[in-house]
C-alpha atoms as a PDB file:
ATOM      1  CA  MET A   1      -5.043  -1.273  18.035  1.00  0.00           C
ATOM      2  CA  GLU A   2      -1.685  -2.862  17.806  1.00  0.00           C
ATOM      3  CA  TYR A   3       1.565  -0.457  17.435  1.00  0.00           C
ATOM      4  CA  VAL A   4       5.022  -1.483  15.775  1.00  0.00           C
ATOM      5  CA  LYS A   5       8.445  -0.319  14.361  1.00  0.00           C
ATOM      6  CA  LEU A   6       8.585   0.038  10.552  1.00  0.00           C
ATOM      7  CA  GLY A   7      11.099  -2.315   9.592  1.00  0.00           C
ATOM      8  CA  GLY A   8      14.632  -1.590  10.856  1.00  0.00           C
ATOM      9  CA  SER A   9      13.675   2.487  11.705  1.00  0.00           C
ATOM     10  CA  GLY A  10      12.605   3.721  15.173  1.00  0.00           C
ATOM     11  CA  LEU A  11       9.468   5.184  13.502  1.00  0.00           C
ATOM     12  CA  GLU A  12       6.131   3.407  15.344  1.00  0.00           C
ATOM     13  CA  VAL A  13       2.935   2.883  12.871  1.00  0.00           C
ATOM     14  CA  SER A  14      -0.450   1.056  13.219  1.00  0.00           C
ATOM     15  CA  ARG A  15      -0.537  -2.506  12.440  1.00  0.00           C
ATOM     16  CA  VAL A  16      -3.139  -1.407  10.076  1.00  0.00           C
ATOM     17  CA  CYS A  17      -2.949   1.280   7.399  1.00  0.00           C
ATOM     18  CA  LEU A  18      -5.432   3.254   5.611  1.00  0.00           C
ATOM     19  CA  GLY A  19      -5.082   3.026   1.951  1.00  0.00           C
ATOM     20  CA  CYS A  20      -6.745   6.458   0.862  1.00  0.00           C
ATOM     21  CA  MET A  21      -6.985   5.449  -3.227  1.00  0.00           C
ATOM     22  CA  SER A  22     -10.371   5.706  -2.826  1.00  0.00           C
ATOM     23  CA  PHE A  23     -10.876   9.269  -1.408  1.00  0.00           C
ATOM     24  CA  GLY A  24     -12.015  11.587  -4.308  1.00  0.00           C
ATOM     25  CA  LYS A  25     -13.839  11.263  -7.580  1.00  0.00           C
ATOM     26  CA  ILE A  26     -11.833  12.490  -9.982  1.00  0.00           C
ATOM     27  CA  GLY A  27      -9.697  11.313 -12.701  1.00  0.00           C
ATOM     28  CA  HIS A  28     -10.333   7.464 -13.484  1.00  0.00           C
ATOM     29  CA  PHE A  29     -11.208   5.762 -10.102  1.00  0.00           C
ATOM     30  CA  GLY A  30     -15.132   5.988 -11.144  1.00  0.00           C
ATOM     31  CA  TRP A  31     -16.134   4.302  -8.041  1.00  0.00           C
ATOM     32  CA  GLY A  32     -14.109   7.111  -5.602  1.00  0.00           C
ATOM     33  CA  LEU A  33     -16.272   9.114  -2.520  1.00  0.00           C
ATOM     34  CA  GLU A  34     -17.085  12.489  -2.221  1.00  0.00           C
ATOM     35  CA  GLU A  35     -14.950  14.011   0.653  1.00  0.00           C
ATOM     36  CA  ALA A  36     -17.914  13.614   2.910  1.00  0.00           C
ATOM     37  CA  ASP A  37     -17.710  10.001   2.742  1.00  0.00           C
ATOM     38  CA  SER A  38     -14.287   9.659   3.070  1.00  0.00           C
ATOM     39  CA  SER A  39     -14.004  11.805   6.248  1.00  0.00           C
ATOM     40  CA  THR A  40     -16.523   9.356   7.542  1.00  0.00           C
ATOM     41  CA  ILE A  41     -13.804   6.528   6.971  1.00  0.00           C
ATOM     42  CA  LEU A  42     -10.650   8.691   8.559  1.00  0.00           C
ATOM     43  CA  LYS A  43     -12.582   9.389  11.647  1.00  0.00           C
ATOM     44  CA  ARG A  44     -13.614   5.915  11.873  1.00  0.00           C
ATOM     45  CA  ALA A  45      -9.812   4.662  11.173  1.00  0.00           C
ATOM     46  CA  LEU A  46      -8.853   7.628  13.608  1.00  0.00           C
ATOM     47  CA  ASP A  47     -11.526   6.100  16.654  1.00  0.00           C
ATOM     48  CA  LEU A  48     -10.030   2.688  16.207  1.00  0.00           C
ATOM     49  CA  GLY A  49      -6.602   3.995  16.559  1.00  0.00           C
ATOM     50  CA  VAL A  50      -5.253   3.605  13.015  1.00  0.00           C
ATOM     51  CA  SER A  51      -2.441   5.826  12.816  1.00  0.00           C
ATOM     52  CA  PHE A  52      -0.595   5.241   9.038  1.00  0.00           C
ATOM     53  CA  PHE A  53      -2.506   6.902   6.154  1.00  0.00           C
ATOM     54  CA  ASP A  54      -0.919   5.887   2.788  1.00  0.00           C
ATOM     55  CA  THR A  55      -1.988   7.983  -0.030  1.00  0.00           C
ATOM     56  CA  ALA A  56      -0.603   8.883  -3.407  1.00  0.00           C
ATOM     57  CA  ASN A  57      -0.042  12.302  -5.686  1.00  0.00           C
ATOM     58  CA  CYS A  58      -1.670  10.781  -8.322  1.00  0.00           C
ATOM     59  CA  TYR A  59      -4.781   9.221  -7.078  1.00  0.00           C
ATOM     60  CA  SER A  60      -7.780  11.445  -8.198  1.00  0.00           C
ATOM     61  CA  GLN A  61      -5.107  13.601  -9.712  1.00  0.00           C
ATOM     62  CA  GLY A  62      -4.293  15.351  -6.401  1.00  0.00           C
ATOM     63  CA  ALA A  63      -7.993  15.179  -4.469  1.00  0.00           C
ATOM     64  CA  SER A  64      -6.746  12.026  -2.274  1.00  0.00           C
ATOM     65  CA  GLU A  65      -3.659  14.505  -0.569  1.00  0.00           C
ATOM     66  CA  GLU A  66      -6.090  17.529  -0.630  1.00  0.00           C
ATOM     67  CA  ILE A  67      -8.715  15.362   1.687  1.00  0.00           C
ATOM     68  CA  LEU A  68      -6.355  13.420   3.543  1.00  0.00           C
ATOM     69  CA  GLY A  69      -4.160  16.986   4.739  1.00  0.00           C
ATOM     70  CA  ARG A  70      -7.828  19.030   5.312  1.00  0.00           C
ATOM     71  CA  PHE A  71      -8.779  16.270   7.794  1.00  0.00           C
ATOM     72  CA  ILE A  72      -5.810  15.538   9.366  1.00  0.00           C
ATOM     73  CA  LYS A  73      -5.578  19.324  10.401  1.00  0.00           C
ATOM     74  CA  ASP A  74      -8.931  19.504  11.866  1.00  0.00           C
ATOM     75  CA  ASN A  75      -9.137  16.046  13.612  1.00  0.00           C
ATOM     76  CA  ILE A  76      -5.448  15.320  15.408  1.00  0.00           C
ATOM     77  CA  PRO A  77      -2.068  17.191  15.822  1.00  0.00           C
ATOM     78  CA  ARG A  78       0.055  16.416  13.122  1.00  0.00           C
ATOM     79  CA  ASP A  79       2.926  14.487  15.094  1.00  0.00           C
ATOM     80  CA  ASP A  80       0.286  11.789  16.146  1.00  0.00           C
ATOM     81  CA  ALA A  81      -0.355  10.727  12.085  1.00  0.00           C
ATOM     82  CA  VAL A  82       2.290   8.923  10.043  1.00  0.00           C
ATOM     83  CA  LEU A  83       1.366  10.316   6.621  1.00  0.00           C
ATOM     84  CA  ALA A  84       2.936   8.219   3.463  1.00  0.00           C
ATOM     85  CA  THR A  85       2.440   9.513  -0.529  1.00  0.00           C
ATOM     86  CA  LYS A  86       3.575   8.625  -3.698  1.00  0.00           C
ATOM     87  CA  VAL A  87       5.415   9.794  -6.275  1.00  0.00           C
ATOM     88  CA  PHE A  88       5.784   8.661 -10.534  1.00  0.00           C
ATOM     89  CA  ILE A  89       2.497   8.407 -12.193  1.00  0.00           C
ATOM     90  CA  ARG A  90       2.380  11.116 -14.612  1.00  0.00           C
ATOM     91  CA  MET A  91       0.897  14.390 -12.909  1.00  0.00           C
ATOM     92  CA  ARG A  92       1.376  16.580 -15.771  1.00  0.00           C
ATOM     93  CA  GLU A  93       1.480  16.377 -19.549  1.00  0.00           C
ATOM     94  CA  GLY A  94       4.910  17.068 -21.506  1.00  0.00           C
ATOM     95  CA  PRO A  95       8.832  16.425 -20.420  1.00  0.00           C
ATOM     96  CA  ASN A  96       9.299  15.948 -16.853  1.00  0.00           C
ATOM     97  CA  GLY A  97       5.581  15.520 -15.428  1.00  0.00           C
ATOM     98  CA  ALA A  98       6.113  12.060 -14.156  1.00  0.00           C
ATOM     99  CA  GLY A  99       8.797  10.020 -13.337  1.00  0.00           C
ATOM    100  CA  LEU A 100      11.671   9.524 -10.809  1.00  0.00           C
ATOM    101  CA  SER A 101      14.441  12.209 -12.272  1.00  0.00           C
ATOM    102  CA  ARG A 102      15.353  14.851  -9.828  1.00  0.00           C
ATOM    103  CA  LYS A 103      12.798  17.867 -11.504  1.00  0.00           C
ATOM    104  CA  ALA A 104      10.308  15.581 -11.387  1.00  0.00           C
ATOM    105  CA  ILE A 105      10.656  14.614  -7.454  1.00  0.00           C
ATOM    106  CA  PHE A 106      11.431  18.193  -6.312  1.00  0.00           C
ATOM    107  CA  ARG A 107       8.455  19.361  -7.656  1.00  0.00           C
ATOM    108  CA  GLU A 108       6.279  16.194  -7.080  1.00  0.00           C
ATOM    109  CA  ILE A 109       6.992  16.568  -3.720  1.00  0.00           C
ATOM    110  CA  ASP A 110       6.448  20.431  -2.677  1.00  0.00           C
ATOM    111  CA  ALA A 111       3.283  19.969  -4.689  1.00  0.00           C
ATOM    112  CA  SER A 112       2.202  16.983  -2.014  1.00  0.00           C
ATOM    113  CA  LEU A 113       3.271  19.017   0.605  1.00  0.00           C
ATOM    114  CA  LYS A 114       0.634  21.943  -0.262  1.00  0.00           C
ATOM    115  CA  ARG A 115      -2.290  19.477  -1.088  1.00  0.00           C
ATOM    116  CA  LEU A 116      -1.514  17.647   2.073  1.00  0.00           C
ATOM    117  CA  ASN A 117      -1.014  21.272   3.871  1.00  0.00           C
ATOM    118  CA  THR A 118       1.908  19.823   5.987  1.00  0.00           C
ATOM    119  CA  ASP A 119       5.778  20.583   6.275  1.00  0.00           C
ATOM    120  CA  TYR A 120       6.492  16.976   5.903  1.00  0.00           C
ATOM    121  CA  VAL A 121       5.780  13.560   4.972  1.00  0.00           C
ATOM    122  CA  ASP A 122       6.464  10.873   7.355  1.00  0.00           C
ATOM    123  CA  LEU A 123       7.446   8.258   4.380  1.00  0.00           C
ATOM    124  CA  TYR A 124       8.027   9.328   0.854  1.00  0.00           C
ATOM    125  CA  ILE A 125       7.484   6.352  -1.487  1.00  0.00           C
ATOM    126  CA  ILE A 126       8.582   5.810  -5.218  1.00  0.00           C
ATOM    127  CA  HIS A 127       5.625   4.171  -6.671  1.00  0.00           C
ATOM    128  CA  ARG A 128       7.241   2.361  -9.354  1.00  0.00           C
ATOM    129  CA  TRP A 129      10.738   1.608 -10.727  1.00  0.00           C
ATOM    130  CA  ASP A 130      11.414   4.175 -13.442  1.00  0.00           C
ATOM    131  CA  TYR A 131      13.280   3.214 -16.264  1.00  0.00           C
ATOM    132  CA  GLY A 132      13.846   6.275 -17.689  1.00  0.00           C
ATOM    133  CA  ALA A 133      15.767   7.547 -15.100  1.00  0.00           C
ATOM    134  CA  PRO A 134      19.075   6.519 -13.347  1.00  0.00           C
ATOM    135  CA  ILE A 135      18.748   4.976  -9.981  1.00  0.00           C
ATOM    136  CA  GLU A 136      21.270   7.100  -8.275  1.00  0.00           C
ATOM    137  CA  GLU A 137      19.747  10.156  -9.603  1.00  0.00           C
ATOM    138  CA  THR A 138      16.713   9.273  -7.827  1.00  0.00           C
ATOM    139  CA  MET A 139      18.589   7.804  -4.418  1.00  0.00           C
ATOM    140  CA  GLU A 140      20.231  11.241  -4.303  1.00  0.00           C
ATOM    141  CA  ALA A 141      17.089  13.381  -4.664  1.00  0.00           C
ATOM    142  CA  LEU A 142      15.327  10.991  -2.100  1.00  0.00           C
ATOM    143  CA  HIS A 143      18.162  11.645   0.341  1.00  0.00           C
ATOM    144  CA  ASP A 144      18.449  15.309  -0.276  1.00  0.00           C
ATOM    145  CA  ILE A 145      14.543  15.481   0.176  1.00  0.00           C
ATOM    146  CA  VAL A 146      14.986  13.885   3.598  1.00  0.00           C
ATOM    147  CA  LYS A 147      17.972  16.124   4.711  1.00  0.00           C
ATOM    148  CA  ALA A 148      16.301  18.790   4.070  1.00  0.00           C
ATOM    149  CA  GLY A 149      13.352  17.486   6.292  1.00  0.00           C
ATOM    150  CA  LYS A 150      10.562  17.255   3.352  1.00  0.00           C
ATOM    151  CA  ALA A 151      10.191  13.411   4.065  1.00  0.00           C
ATOM    152  CA  ARG A 152      11.147  11.840   7.373  1.00  0.00           C
ATOM    153  CA  TYR A 153      11.481   8.197   5.964  1.00  0.00           C
ATOM    154  CA  ILE A 154      11.483   7.281   2.438  1.00  0.00           C
ATOM    155  CA  GLY A 155      10.044   4.060   1.110  1.00  0.00           C
ATOM    156  CA  ALA A 156       9.569   1.862  -2.391  1.00  0.00           C
ATOM    157  CA  SER A 157       6.808  -0.091  -3.669  1.00  0.00           C
ATOM    158  CA  ALA A 158       5.520  -2.325  -6.896  1.00  0.00           C
ATOM    159  CA  MET A 159       9.723  -3.445  -8.218  1.00  0.00           C
ATOM    160  CA  TYR A 160      11.586  -6.558  -8.945  1.00  0.00           C
ATOM    161  CA  ALA A 161      13.409  -7.964  -5.973  1.00  0.00           C
ATOM    162  CA  TRP A 162      17.075  -7.418  -7.464  1.00  0.00           C
ATOM    163  CA  GLN A 163      15.781  -3.820  -8.807  1.00  0.00           C
ATOM    164  CA  PHE A 164      15.341  -2.643  -4.461  1.00  0.00           C
ATOM    165  CA  HIS A 165      18.726  -4.403  -3.785  1.00  0.00           C
ATOM    166  CA  LYS A 166      20.246  -2.304  -6.107  1.00  0.00           C
ATOM    167  CA  ALA A 167      18.608   0.244  -5.005  1.00  0.00           C
ATOM    168  CA  GLN A 168      19.531  -0.043  -1.715  1.00  0.00           C
ATOM    169  CA  ASN A 169      23.573  -0.815  -2.306  1.00  0.00           C
ATOM    170  CA  ILE A 170      23.414   2.226  -4.347  1.00  0.00           C
ATOM    171  CA  ALA A 171      22.356   4.090  -1.381  1.00  0.00           C
ATOM    172  CA  GLU A 172      24.629   2.556   1.519  1.00  0.00           C
ATOM    173  CA  ARG A 173      27.783   3.029  -0.806  1.00  0.00           C
ATOM    174  CA  HIS A 174      27.274   6.591  -1.379  1.00  0.00           C
ATOM    175  CA  GLY A 175      26.061   7.277   2.459  1.00  0.00           C
ATOM    176  CA  TRP A 176      22.455   8.302   1.166  1.00  0.00           C
ATOM    177  CA  THR A 177      19.256   7.492   3.330  1.00  0.00           C
ATOM    178  CA  ARG A 178      17.922   3.617   2.385  1.00  0.00           C
ATOM    179  CA  PHE A 179      14.414   2.658   2.087  1.00  0.00           C
ATOM    180  CA  ILE A 180      12.657   1.324   5.399  1.00  0.00           C
ATOM    181  CA  SER A 181       9.522   0.147   3.899  1.00  0.00           C
ATOM    182  CA  MET A 182       8.243  -1.918   0.934  1.00  0.00           C
ATOM    183  CA  GLN A 183       4.723  -1.846  -0.418  1.00  0.00           C
ATOM    184  CA  ASN A 184       4.489  -4.596  -2.464  1.00  0.00           C
ATOM    185  CA  HIS A 185       1.373  -6.508  -4.386  1.00  0.00           C
ATOM    186  CA  TYR A 186       0.764  -9.605  -1.735  1.00  0.00           C
ATOM    187  CA  ASN A 187      -2.596 -11.427  -1.106  1.00  0.00           C
ATOM    188  CA  LEU A 188      -3.744 -14.334  -0.350  1.00  0.00           C
ATOM    189  CA  ILE A 189      -4.233 -15.516  -4.171  1.00  0.00           C
ATOM    190  CA  TYR A 190      -1.088 -13.160  -5.414  1.00  0.00           C
ATOM    191  CA  ARG A 191       2.136 -14.587  -4.011  1.00  0.00           C
ATOM    192  CA  GLU A 192       4.891 -14.437  -6.839  1.00  0.00           C
ATOM    193  CA  ASP A 193       6.870 -11.926  -4.344  1.00  0.00           C
ATOM    194  CA  GLU A 194       7.621 -14.918  -1.791  1.00  0.00           C
ATOM    195  CA  ARG A 195      10.297 -15.708  -3.854  1.00  0.00           C
ATOM    196  CA  GLU A 196      12.394 -13.330  -3.919  1.00  0.00           C
ATOM    197  CA  MET A 197      11.098 -10.066  -2.313  1.00  0.00           C
ATOM    198  CA  THR A 198      10.052 -11.474   0.799  1.00  0.00           C
ATOM    199  CA  PRO A 199      13.326 -13.025   2.028  1.00  0.00           C
ATOM    200  CA  LEU A 200      15.227 -10.129   0.455  1.00  0.00           C
ATOM    201  CA  LEU A 201      13.297  -8.149   2.559  1.00  0.00           C
ATOM    202  CA  ALA A 202      13.301 -10.163   5.644  1.00  0.00           C
ATOM    203  CA  ASP A 203      17.316  -9.980   5.281  1.00  0.00           C
ATOM    204  CA  LEU A 204      17.612  -6.693   4.725  1.00  0.00           C
ATOM    205  CA  ASN A 205      15.343  -5.881   7.656  1.00  0.00           C
ATOM    206  CA  VAL A 206      12.700  -3.696   5.804  1.00  0.00           C
ATOM    207  CA  ALA A 207       8.785  -3.670   6.405  1.00  0.00           C
ATOM    208  CA  SER A 208       6.475  -4.820   3.768  1.00  0.00           C
ATOM    209  CA  THR A 209       3.266  -2.913   3.880  1.00  0.00           C
ATOM    210  CA  PRO A 210       1.183  -5.117   1.109  1.00  0.00           C
ATOM    211  CA  TYR A 211      -1.321  -3.325  -1.298  1.00  0.00           C
ATOM    212  CA  SER A 212      -4.517  -4.923  -2.361  1.00  0.00           C
ATOM    213  CA  PRO A 213      -4.277  -7.318   0.975  1.00  0.00           C
ATOM    214  CA  LEU A 214      -8.010  -8.233  -0.159  1.00  0.00           C
ATOM    215  CA  ALA A 215      -7.072  -8.293  -4.218  1.00  0.00           C
ATOM    216  CA  GLY A 216      -9.750  -5.833  -4.845  1.00  0.00           C
ATOM    217  CA  GLY A 217     -12.620  -7.354  -2.687  1.00  0.00           C
ATOM    218  CA  ARG A 218     -11.930 -10.485  -4.072  1.00  0.00           C
ATOM    219  CA  LEU A 219     -11.309 -12.561  -0.453  1.00  0.00           C
ATOM    220  CA  THR A 220     -14.302 -10.730   0.874  1.00  0.00           C
ATOM    221  CA  ARG A 221     -16.961 -11.814  -0.578  1.00  0.00           C
ATOM    222  CA  PRO A 222     -18.483 -14.973  -2.634  1.00  0.00           C
ATOM    223  CA  ILE A 223     -17.008 -16.144  -5.628  1.00  0.00           C
ATOM    224  CA  GLY A 224     -18.609 -14.302  -8.911  1.00  0.00           C
ATOM    225  CA  SER A 225     -20.895 -11.838  -6.688  1.00  0.00           C
ATOM    226  CA  VAL A 226     -20.545  -7.991  -8.167  1.00  0.00           C
ATOM    227  CA  THR A 227     -20.481  -4.955  -6.311  1.00  0.00           C
ATOM    228  CA  TYR A 228     -20.183  -1.375  -8.009  1.00  0.00           C
ATOM    229  CA  ARG A 229     -16.177  -1.435  -7.320  1.00  0.00           C
ATOM    230  CA  SER A 230     -15.799  -4.829  -9.261  1.00  0.00           C
ATOM    231  CA  GLU A 231     -17.113  -3.596 -12.529  1.00  0.00           C
ATOM    232  CA  ASN A 232     -15.785  -0.068 -12.600  1.00  0.00           C
ATOM    233  CA  ASP A 233     -12.053  -0.960 -11.261  1.00  0.00           C
ATOM    234  CA  ALA A 234     -10.190  -1.758 -14.565  1.00  0.00           C
ATOM    235  CA  VAL A 235      -7.291  -2.491 -12.542  1.00  0.00           C
ATOM    236  CA  ALA A 236      -8.590  -4.800 -10.543  1.00  0.00           C
ATOM    237  CA  VAL A 237     -10.109  -6.512 -12.658  1.00  0.00           C
ATOM    238  CA  HIS A 238      -7.125  -6.394 -15.260  1.00  0.00           C
ATOM    239  CA  LYS A 239      -5.086  -8.515 -11.863  1.00  0.00           C
ATOM    240  CA  TYR A 240      -7.333 -10.825 -10.372  1.00  0.00           C
ATOM    241  CA  ASP A 241     -10.388 -11.942 -12.894  1.00  0.00           C
ATOM    242  CA  GLY A 242      -8.096 -13.721 -15.673  1.00  0.00           C
ATOM    243  CA  ASN A 243      -6.649 -16.008 -12.657  1.00  0.00           C
ATOM    244  CA  ILE A 244     -10.531 -17.270 -11.281  1.00  0.00           C
ATOM    245  CA  ASP A 245      -9.637 -20.602 -12.041  1.00  0.00           C
ATOM    246  CA  ILE A 246      -6.888 -21.462 -10.235  1.00  0.00           C
ATOM    247  CA  ASP A 247      -7.804 -18.988  -7.271  1.00  0.00           C
ATOM    248  CA  ARG A 248     -11.143 -21.193  -6.827  1.00  0.00           C
ATOM    249  CA  PRO A 249     -10.012 -23.698  -4.075  1.00  0.00           C
ATOM    250  CA  ILE A 250      -8.234 -20.682  -2.353  1.00  0.00           C
ATOM    251  CA  LEU A 251     -11.147 -19.161  -2.338  1.00  0.00           C
ATOM    252  CA  GLU A 252     -13.205 -21.960  -1.423  1.00  0.00           C
ATOM    253  CA  ARG A 253     -10.978 -23.000   1.378  1.00  0.00           C
ATOM    254  CA  LEU A 254     -11.150 -19.320   2.861  1.00  0.00           C
ATOM    255  CA  ASN A 255     -14.677 -19.171   3.211  1.00  0.00           C
ATOM    256  CA  GLU A 256     -14.346 -22.545   4.898  1.00  0.00           C
ATOM    257  CA  THR A 257     -12.066 -21.354   7.602  1.00  0.00           C
ATOM    258  CA  ALA A 258     -13.896 -18.116   8.132  1.00  0.00           C
ATOM    259  CA  GLU A 259     -17.054 -20.297   8.679  1.00  0.00           C
ATOM    260  CA  LYS A 260     -14.899 -22.270  10.925  1.00  0.00           C
ATOM    261  CA  HIS A 261     -13.741 -19.283  13.222  1.00  0.00           C
ATOM    262  CA  GLY A 262     -17.194 -17.590  12.394  1.00  0.00           C
ATOM    263  CA  VAL A 263     -16.274 -14.442  11.262  1.00  0.00           C
ATOM    264  CA  PRO A 264     -16.250 -12.557   7.535  1.00  0.00           C
ATOM    265  CA  ARG A 265     -13.837 -13.293   4.931  1.00  0.00           C
ATOM    266  CA  ALA A 266     -11.582 -10.271   4.639  1.00  0.00           C
ATOM    267  CA  ARG A 267     -10.850 -10.992   8.374  1.00  0.00           C
ATOM    268  CA  ILE A 268      -9.347 -14.928   7.675  1.00  0.00           C
ATOM    269  CA  ALA A 269      -7.374 -13.418   4.567  1.00  0.00           C
ATOM    270  CA  LEU A 270      -5.948 -10.709   7.078  1.00  0.00           C
ATOM    271  CA  ALA A 271      -4.985 -12.830   9.708  1.00  0.00           C
ATOM    272  CA  TRP A 272      -3.213 -14.747   7.314  1.00  0.00           C
ATOM    273  CA  LEU A 273      -1.226 -12.086   5.781  1.00  0.00           C
ATOM    274  CA  LEU A 274      -0.708 -10.449   8.946  1.00  0.00           C
ATOM    275  CA  ALA A 275       1.104 -13.791  10.371  1.00  0.00           C
ATOM    276  CA  LYS A 276       3.151 -13.497   7.121  1.00  0.00           C
ATOM    277  CA  PRO A 277       6.867 -12.004   8.226  1.00  0.00           C
ATOM    278  CA  PRO A 278       7.891  -9.369   7.305  1.00  0.00           C
ATOM    279  CA  VAL A 279       4.649  -8.019   6.931  1.00  0.00           C
ATOM    280  CA  VAL A 280       4.315  -5.210   9.375  1.00  0.00           C
ATOM    281  CA  SER A 281       0.984  -2.855   8.470  1.00  0.00           C
ATOM    282  CA  PRO A 282      -0.899  -3.754   5.177  1.00  0.00           C
ATOM    283  CA  VAL A 283      -2.779  -0.819   3.100  1.00  0.00           C
ATOM    284  CA  ILE A 284      -6.564  -1.333   3.828  1.00  0.00           C
ATOM    285  CA  GLY A 285      -8.433   0.017   0.831  1.00  0.00           C
ATOM    286  CA  ALA A 286     -11.983   1.202   2.466  1.00  0.00           C
ATOM    287  CA  THR A 287     -14.740   1.995   0.910  1.00  0.00           C
ATOM    288  CA  LYS A 288     -17.218   2.170   4.075  1.00  0.00           C
ATOM    289  CA  ALA A 289     -16.219   2.294   7.793  1.00  0.00           C
ATOM    290  CA  ALA A 290     -17.465  -1.520   8.172  1.00  0.00           C
ATOM    291  CA  HIS A 291     -14.218  -1.775   5.857  1.00  0.00           C
ATOM    292  CA  VAL A 292     -12.084  -0.497   8.211  1.00  0.00           C
ATOM    293  CA  GLU A 293     -13.789  -1.805  11.096  1.00  0.00           C
ATOM    294  CA  ASP A 294     -13.141  -5.902   9.867  1.00  0.00           C
ATOM    295  CA  ALA A 295      -9.646  -4.692   9.211  1.00  0.00           C
ATOM    296  CA  VAL A 296      -8.730  -4.084  12.844  1.00  0.00           C
ATOM    297  CA  ALA A 297     -10.435  -7.198  14.405  1.00  0.00           C
ATOM    298  CA  ALA A 298      -8.653  -9.059  12.155  1.00  0.00           C
ATOM    299  CA  LEU A 299      -5.567  -8.263  14.584  1.00  0.00           C
ATOM    300  CA  ASP A 300      -7.388 -10.576  16.927  1.00  0.00           C
ATOM    301  CA  VAL A 301      -7.416 -13.762  14.897  1.00  0.00           C
ATOM    302  CA  LYS A 302      -4.908 -16.456  15.047  1.00  0.00           C
ATOM    303  CA  LEU A 303      -4.780 -18.367  12.666  1.00  0.00           C
ATOM    304  CA  SER A 304      -2.981 -22.002  13.360  1.00  0.00           C
ATOM    305  CA  PRO A 305       0.075 -23.238  11.203  1.00  0.00           C
ATOM    306  CA  GLU A 306      -2.312 -26.356  10.084  1.00  0.00           C
ATOM    307  CA  GLU A 307      -4.730 -23.667   8.906  1.00  0.00           C
ATOM    308  CA  ILE A 308      -2.203 -21.616   7.114  1.00  0.00           C
ATOM    309  CA  ALA A 309      -0.938 -24.350   5.817  1.00  0.00           C
ATOM    310  CA  TYR A 310      -4.174 -25.610   4.155  1.00  0.00           C
ATOM    311  CA  LEU A 311      -5.237 -22.157   2.827  1.00  0.00           C
ATOM    312  CA  GLU A 312      -1.953 -21.418   1.219  1.00  0.00           C
ATOM    313  CA  GLU A 313      -1.598 -25.370  -0.257  1.00  0.00           C
ATOM    314  CA  PRO A 314      -3.962 -24.467  -3.997  1.00  0.00           C
ATOM    315  CA  TYR A 315      -1.898 -21.594  -4.534  1.00  0.00           C
ATOM    316  CA  ARG A 316      -0.426 -21.814  -8.534  1.00  0.00           C
ATOM    317  CA  PRO A 317       1.838 -19.322  -9.844  1.00  0.00           C
ATOM    318  CA  HIS A 318       0.044 -16.454 -11.464  1.00  0.00           C
ATOM    319  CA  PRO A 319       1.523 -13.652 -14.180  1.00  0.00           C
ATOM    320  CA  ILE A 320       3.769 -11.006 -12.380  1.00  0.00           C
ATOM    321  CA  THR A 321       1.449  -7.626 -12.234  1.00  0.00           C
ATOM    322  CA  GLY A 322       2.756  -4.509 -10.052  1.00  0.00           C
ATOM    323  CA  ALA A 323       7.193  -4.672 -11.240  1.00  0.00           C
ATOM    324  CA  LEU A 324       6.109  -4.949 -14.596  1.00  0.00           C
ATOM    325  CA  PRO A 325       7.436  -1.477 -16.600  1.00  0.00           C
ATOM    326  CA  TYR A 326       4.541   1.103 -16.179  1.00  0.00           C
ATOM    327  CA  ASN A 327       3.651   3.316 -19.258  1.00  0.00           C
ATOM    328  CA  SER A 328       3.318   6.435 -17.372  1.00  0.00           C
END
């Protein structure tokens, strides 16, 4: 395993981050895992040197945080793990049950800490941009959480580059804590952030920790193949299945390159992503221990500049996802 600094911070993280969205069967993730299966994946990740774990308050309505918290308590000293969780998505009905108001953020950080069975998280991430709350209010609340010792650092996810830049400027202007990471939607068949977000992150020395690095499995298997998750993950279906015609040439070149290297497609797709600064630690979703093994093995795959260009050449613009306003 390789360990690197997260952006311009002093925080060291594993080059692979284990995403925990699949942990827990509560709520709308019909493809989620029971705790025993989740723990098997977490144990394998730990054995392979993964120290960076990403979850969110909304994943399986908090069950993901609970599973992760119990595992960390029983298997690793708290200070050896880097825990990230998120806030924004609705967690209860009625006013202030979602979003990034000061009231919502203060309530949700305490609820997440309780579920995670810890006094602090290493990285507290805003899950989306809140169009209903002043960004000044959000950034000050996040700063106060850091100063209270409930979070060590803060990060952002899924927004437009101008929004991220505005938030950083406001924090700098007031002397508040700034984001050290951006968890953006980025993979071989969705590269829209390369226009503005990627160069902005590089300029600001902010780490990219991409979510959906394997496009919900589309970059791991033959075109048109079906899995239980592919039939039940409505979010991934919405993001990817409508673009199959323009993605097909990329997927064909991915398969060709994987055969050339004698490795699974997933390793080539991740090797491409790991070669794209400012990407630091892709968030790998896993429903099997083998998924983590493939992700870690991708660190040993080195693509030539010619291979990277060959994989990228067929790309065509895609409709924006992730940064769009979210109905909470």
